[in-house]
Structure formats: structure tokens, C-alpha cells
N, C-alpha and C. Protein backbone atom coordinates (compact mmCIF):
# COMPACT_ATOMS: atom_id res chain seq x y z
N MET A 1 41.16 117.44 -141.12
CA MET A 1 42.05 116.77 -140.27
C MET A 1 42.90 115.70 -140.31
N SER A 2 44.28 115.86 -140.18
CA SER A 2 44.97 114.39 -140.78
C SER A 2 45.05 113.56 -139.38
N ARG A 3 45.37 112.45 -139.85
CA ARG A 3 45.57 111.41 -138.94
C ARG A 3 46.61 111.58 -138.07
N THR A 4 47.68 112.25 -138.27
CA THR A 4 48.86 112.59 -137.42
C THR A 4 48.46 113.77 -136.24
N SER A 5 47.46 114.62 -136.61
CA SER A 5 47.18 115.54 -135.75
C SER A 5 46.04 115.29 -134.78
N ALA A 6 45.53 113.89 -134.81
CA ALA A 6 44.36 113.45 -133.83
C ALA A 6 45.14 113.19 -132.44
N HIS A 7 44.26 113.66 -131.52
CA HIS A 7 44.86 113.36 -130.25
C HIS A 7 44.81 111.94 -130.03
N VAL A 8 45.93 111.54 -129.73
CA VAL A 8 45.98 110.12 -129.22
C VAL A 8 46.42 109.90 -127.71
N PRO A 9 45.32 109.08 -126.94
CA PRO A 9 45.44 109.27 -125.60
C PRO A 9 46.93 108.36 -125.32
N GLY A 10 47.49 108.96 -124.38
CA GLY A 10 48.81 108.33 -124.05
C GLY A 10 48.62 107.77 -122.70
N PRO A 11 49.82 107.25 -121.99
CA PRO A 11 49.90 106.85 -120.83
C PRO A 11 49.67 108.08 -119.86
N ALA A 12 48.96 107.91 -118.65
CA ALA A 12 48.57 109.16 -117.85
C ALA A 12 49.97 109.54 -116.92
N ARG A 13 50.48 110.78 -117.14
CA ARG A 13 51.66 111.10 -116.17
C ARG A 13 51.28 111.71 -115.13
N ALA A 14 49.98 112.28 -114.70
CA ALA A 14 49.58 112.65 -113.44
C ALA A 14 49.90 111.94 -112.38
N PRO A 15 49.39 110.57 -112.47
CA PRO A 15 49.22 109.91 -111.07
C PRO A 15 50.63 109.64 -110.58
N ARG A 16 51.87 109.84 -111.19
CA ARG A 16 53.18 109.72 -110.60
C ARG A 16 53.52 110.59 -109.51
N LEU A 17 53.24 111.90 -109.61
CA LEU A 17 53.44 112.50 -108.27
C LEU A 17 52.87 112.00 -107.01
N PRO A 18 51.27 111.87 -106.99
CA PRO A 18 50.84 111.57 -106.05
C PRO A 18 51.33 109.81 -105.30
N LEU A 19 51.55 109.09 -106.45
CA LEU A 19 52.21 107.89 -106.21
C LEU A 19 53.54 108.13 -105.43
N ALA A 20 54.49 108.78 -105.73
CA ALA A 20 55.69 109.29 -105.18
C ALA A 20 55.60 110.03 -103.73
N ALA A 21 54.58 110.62 -103.66
CA ALA A 21 54.09 111.44 -102.39
C ALA A 21 53.76 110.27 -101.38
N ARG A 22 52.82 109.25 -101.83
CA ARG A 22 52.69 108.31 -100.78
C ARG A 22 53.68 107.31 -100.53
N VAL A 23 54.65 106.97 -101.54
CA VAL A 23 55.99 106.00 -101.25
C VAL A 23 56.49 106.84 -100.60
N ALA A 24 57.06 108.27 -100.40
CA ALA A 24 57.77 108.61 -99.64
C ALA A 24 57.12 109.06 -98.23
N ALA A 25 55.71 108.89 -98.30
CA ALA A 25 54.97 109.02 -96.64
C ALA A 25 55.27 107.54 -96.38
N ALA A 26 55.10 106.76 -96.94
CA ALA A 26 55.02 105.32 -96.57
C ALA A 26 56.42 105.00 -95.76
N VAL A 27 57.66 105.40 -96.50
CA VAL A 27 58.85 104.98 -95.91
C VAL A 27 59.29 106.18 -95.00
N LEU A 28 59.44 107.31 -95.34
CA LEU A 28 59.79 108.21 -94.34
C LEU A 28 58.75 108.46 -93.25
N GLY A 29 57.69 108.70 -93.30
CA GLY A 29 56.70 108.77 -92.30
C GLY A 29 56.74 107.65 -91.50
N GLY A 30 56.88 106.29 -92.16
CA GLY A 30 56.54 104.88 -91.50
C GLY A 30 57.80 104.73 -90.51
N TYR A 31 59.10 105.19 -90.71
CA TYR A 31 60.17 105.27 -90.21
C TYR A 31 60.11 105.94 -89.19
N GLY A 32 59.69 107.09 -89.28
CA GLY A 32 59.74 108.39 -88.31
C GLY A 32 58.77 107.69 -87.01
N PHE A 33 57.58 107.18 -87.65
CA PHE A 33 56.40 106.91 -86.85
C PHE A 33 57.22 105.41 -85.88
N ALA A 34 57.79 104.79 -86.74
CA ALA A 34 58.35 103.52 -86.00
C ALA A 34 59.58 103.82 -85.07
N TRP A 35 60.24 104.79 -85.34
CA TRP A 35 61.32 105.23 -84.45
C TRP A 35 60.59 105.78 -82.93
N GLY A 36 59.69 106.90 -83.23
CA GLY A 36 59.30 107.20 -82.14
C GLY A 36 58.57 106.07 -81.27
N PHE A 37 57.85 105.08 -81.92
CA PHE A 37 57.32 103.87 -81.43
C PHE A 37 58.47 103.12 -80.32
N ILE A 38 59.43 102.93 -81.08
CA ILE A 38 60.40 102.31 -80.35
C ILE A 38 60.94 103.01 -79.17
N ALA A 39 61.20 104.26 -79.61
CA ALA A 39 61.72 105.18 -78.41
C ALA A 39 60.69 105.06 -77.13
N ALA A 40 59.37 105.24 -77.66
CA ALA A 40 58.58 105.44 -76.28
C ALA A 40 58.18 104.04 -75.69
N GLY A 41 58.29 103.27 -76.42
CA GLY A 41 58.09 101.65 -75.65
C GLY A 41 59.38 100.87 -75.06
N ALA A 42 60.63 101.54 -75.46
CA ALA A 42 61.57 100.99 -74.84
C ALA A 42 61.70 101.63 -73.13
N SER A 43 61.38 103.01 -73.45
CA SER A 43 61.29 103.67 -72.00
C SER A 43 60.31 103.38 -71.11
N LEU A 44 59.26 103.13 -71.73
CA LEU A 44 58.04 102.72 -70.94
C LEU A 44 58.15 101.66 -70.61
N ALA A 45 58.56 100.55 -71.23
CA ALA A 45 58.92 99.15 -70.61
C ALA A 45 59.84 99.17 -69.44
N PHE A 46 60.75 100.07 -69.75
CA PHE A 46 61.98 100.06 -68.78
C PHE A 46 61.51 100.89 -67.46
N ALA A 47 60.41 101.82 -67.78
CA ALA A 47 60.11 102.34 -66.27
C ALA A 47 59.12 101.49 -65.55
N ALA A 48 58.47 100.48 -66.46
CA ALA A 48 57.35 99.64 -65.91
C ALA A 48 58.20 98.25 -65.02
N GLY A 49 59.45 98.33 -65.13
CA GLY A 49 60.51 97.53 -64.46
C GLY A 49 60.97 96.45 -65.31
N LEU A 50 61.03 96.46 -66.56
CA LEU A 50 61.62 95.18 -67.38
C LEU A 50 63.03 95.79 -67.64
N ASP A 51 63.87 94.66 -67.67
CA ASP A 51 65.35 94.91 -68.00
C ASP A 51 65.56 95.65 -69.05
N PHE A 52 66.63 96.54 -69.14
CA PHE A 52 66.57 97.51 -70.32
C PHE A 52 66.87 96.83 -71.60
N HIS A 53 67.88 95.74 -71.91
CA HIS A 53 67.94 95.15 -72.75
C HIS A 53 66.59 94.35 -73.23
N ASP A 54 65.95 93.90 -72.38
CA ASP A 54 64.81 93.43 -72.73
C ASP A 54 63.62 94.32 -73.22
N ALA A 55 63.48 95.41 -72.50
CA ALA A 55 62.78 96.29 -72.83
C ALA A 55 63.07 97.06 -74.20
N GLU A 56 64.40 97.00 -74.49
CA GLU A 56 64.81 97.70 -76.10
C GLU A 56 64.54 96.66 -77.16
N PHE A 57 64.67 95.45 -76.83
CA PHE A 57 64.52 94.10 -77.86
C PHE A 57 62.96 94.21 -78.20
N LEU A 58 61.85 93.86 -77.12
CA LEU A 58 60.49 93.94 -77.31
C LEU A 58 59.99 95.12 -78.08
N ALA A 59 60.77 96.51 -77.63
CA ALA A 59 60.17 97.72 -78.43
C ALA A 59 60.70 97.60 -79.92
N SER A 60 62.06 97.03 -80.07
CA SER A 60 62.21 96.99 -81.38
C SER A 60 61.48 96.21 -82.18
N MET A 61 61.12 94.81 -81.85
CA MET A 61 60.46 93.95 -82.37
C MET A 61 58.88 94.37 -82.73
N LEU A 62 58.36 94.99 -81.57
CA LEU A 62 57.25 95.62 -81.83
C LEU A 62 57.18 96.99 -83.02
N GLY A 63 58.36 97.50 -83.04
CA GLY A 63 58.41 98.58 -84.12
C GLY A 63 58.45 98.21 -85.50
N VAL A 64 59.15 97.15 -85.63
CA VAL A 64 59.05 96.52 -86.93
C VAL A 64 57.57 96.36 -87.62
N LEU A 65 56.70 95.74 -86.52
CA LEU A 65 55.59 95.67 -87.08
C LEU A 65 54.66 96.94 -86.96
N ALA A 66 55.10 97.82 -86.22
CA ALA A 66 54.43 99.11 -86.04
C ALA A 66 54.63 100.14 -87.79
N PHE A 67 56.01 99.66 -88.21
CA PHE A 67 56.64 99.94 -89.38
C PHE A 67 55.55 99.55 -90.52
N LEU A 68 55.40 98.21 -90.37
CA LEU A 68 54.71 97.42 -91.54
C LEU A 68 53.41 98.14 -91.35
N VAL A 69 52.63 98.29 -90.39
CA VAL A 69 51.22 98.86 -90.42
C VAL A 69 51.15 100.31 -90.82
N ALA A 70 52.09 101.07 -90.34
CA ALA A 70 52.12 102.51 -91.14
C ALA A 70 52.55 102.52 -92.68
N PHE A 71 53.41 101.80 -93.21
CA PHE A 71 53.57 101.41 -94.33
C PHE A 71 52.41 101.20 -95.19
N LEU A 72 51.63 100.28 -94.96
CA LEU A 72 50.46 99.82 -95.45
C LEU A 72 49.44 100.56 -95.37
N TRP A 73 49.11 101.22 -94.16
CA TRP A 73 48.36 102.32 -94.24
C TRP A 73 48.58 103.46 -94.98
N ALA A 74 49.66 103.85 -95.33
CA ALA A 74 50.08 104.98 -96.16
C ALA A 74 49.34 104.63 -97.53
N PHE A 75 49.21 103.58 -97.93
CA PHE A 75 48.81 103.21 -99.04
C PHE A 75 47.24 103.15 -99.12
N ALA A 76 46.67 102.87 -97.97
CA ALA A 76 45.12 102.32 -97.97
C ALA A 76 44.43 103.43 -97.46
N ALA A 77 45.15 104.54 -96.99
CA ALA A 77 44.24 105.71 -96.77
C ALA A 77 43.69 106.51 -97.89
N ARG A 78 42.65 106.88 -97.53
CA ARG A 78 41.98 107.75 -98.68
C ARG A 78 42.52 108.92 -98.84
N ARG A 79 42.90 109.77 -97.67
CA ARG A 79 43.60 111.23 -98.17
C ARG A 79 45.11 111.30 -97.61
N LEU A 80 45.90 111.63 -98.53
CA LEU A 80 47.38 111.87 -98.29
C LEU A 80 48.04 112.64 -97.19
N TRP A 81 47.31 113.71 -97.03
CA TRP A 81 47.44 115.04 -96.13
C TRP A 81 47.27 114.33 -94.83
N VAL A 82 46.26 113.50 -94.37
CA VAL A 82 46.12 112.54 -93.35
C VAL A 82 47.40 111.76 -92.95
N VAL A 83 47.87 110.91 -93.77
CA VAL A 83 49.00 110.22 -93.75
C VAL A 83 50.16 111.19 -93.52
N TRP A 84 50.24 112.07 -94.07
CA TRP A 84 51.63 113.13 -93.78
C TRP A 84 51.32 113.74 -92.38
N THR A 85 50.11 113.95 -92.03
CA THR A 85 50.15 114.41 -90.71
C THR A 85 50.08 113.59 -89.63
N VAL A 86 49.63 112.31 -89.46
CA VAL A 86 49.67 111.28 -88.69
C VAL A 86 50.89 110.68 -88.41
N LEU A 87 51.35 110.20 -89.41
CA LEU A 87 53.04 109.42 -89.31
C LEU A 87 53.90 110.38 -88.81
N PRO A 88 54.29 111.33 -89.25
CA PRO A 88 55.53 112.34 -88.85
C PRO A 88 54.74 112.76 -87.38
N GLY A 89 53.81 113.39 -87.27
CA GLY A 89 53.21 113.63 -85.98
C GLY A 89 53.06 112.83 -84.77
N GLY A 90 52.59 111.71 -85.41
CA GLY A 90 52.74 110.90 -84.11
C GLY A 90 53.80 110.03 -83.75
N GLY A 91 54.80 110.12 -84.67
CA GLY A 91 56.20 109.58 -84.49
C GLY A 91 57.07 110.67 -83.68
N ALA A 92 56.91 112.14 -83.93
CA ALA A 92 57.43 112.81 -82.76
C ALA A 92 56.85 113.32 -81.70
N LEU A 93 55.52 113.02 -81.52
CA LEU A 93 54.72 112.74 -80.08
C LEU A 93 55.28 111.45 -79.53
N LEU A 94 55.31 110.44 -80.07
CA LEU A 94 55.72 109.15 -79.41
C LEU A 94 57.35 109.39 -78.94
N ALA A 95 58.01 110.10 -79.64
CA ALA A 95 59.69 110.11 -79.55
C ALA A 95 59.81 111.30 -78.31
N ALA A 96 58.87 112.16 -78.12
CA ALA A 96 58.50 113.13 -77.21
C ALA A 96 58.08 112.52 -75.92
N THR A 97 57.40 111.61 -75.78
CA THR A 97 56.94 110.61 -74.71
C THR A 97 58.11 109.93 -74.33
N GLY A 98 58.53 109.53 -75.26
CA GLY A 98 60.16 108.67 -74.82
C GLY A 98 61.05 109.39 -74.20
N SER A 99 61.26 111.01 -74.61
CA SER A 99 62.21 111.46 -74.13
C SER A 99 61.71 111.80 -72.66
N LEU A 100 60.51 112.27 -72.34
CA LEU A 100 60.25 112.83 -71.17
C LEU A 100 60.23 111.79 -70.11
N VAL A 101 59.75 110.31 -70.34
CA VAL A 101 59.99 109.02 -69.75
C VAL A 101 61.55 108.87 -69.18
N GLN A 102 62.24 108.99 -70.24
CA GLN A 102 63.67 108.68 -69.83
C GLN A 102 64.18 110.11 -69.14
N ALA A 103 63.73 111.02 -69.49
CA ALA A 103 64.22 112.28 -68.43
C ALA A 103 64.02 112.08 -66.81
N ALA A 104 62.48 111.58 -66.66
CA ALA A 104 62.07 111.42 -65.43
C ALA A 104 62.77 110.28 -64.63
N LEU A 105 63.37 109.37 -65.61
CA LEU A 105 63.95 108.03 -65.00
C LEU A 105 65.36 108.60 -64.29
N VAL A 106 66.31 109.59 -64.81
CA VAL A 106 67.32 109.71 -64.61
C VAL A 106 67.46 110.67 -63.49
């Protein structure tokens, strides 16, 4: 067996796809979750009697924190499918809640 034909371990290429999926889940799923959180938070705060611009500002500031938590959780979670289920699903549920509250107010 010659030296050139021996198997030389190289850098692992397999972890790139799971890492890219986590980054996508963190960025896209976190954005969707934060957007839904802001929509629900602003409409619920306005329904509770807060001025519209104050409700919008408060929800936006809390939405930045929600995005940070979702982003970090996407990397800390053990199973990637849970992240892809919770973040977009939770964002859609929160956005629907905000829409329903807004429709009830009008």
C-alpha cells in the first residue's frame, strides 16, 4: 500500500448542512417569531388601554428581546425539528392572535 493511497482524514464536511439549517432557523424562524410577538403584543396592549404608539413601541422593544431569545435557543436546542416547528408555528399563532384582536377592535 503506497503512502498516497492511504486514507488521510480531512475536515468534516457533513456538519455544514445542519449548521446552515440552524442558522436559517435562528434568523428566519426568529424573525417570524419576533414579528408575530410584536403583532400580538401591540394589539393586546392597545386593547388593554395603552395608547397605540406606546403599545407599538413597547411591543417592538420586547420583540427585539424575543428575537434574541429565539436566536440563541435555535442554537442551544437539542433537536432541530423542534426549533423549526416552534419558531415559525409560534410566530404564525402569535400573528393570528394579533390579527384576531385587531379585528375585534375595529
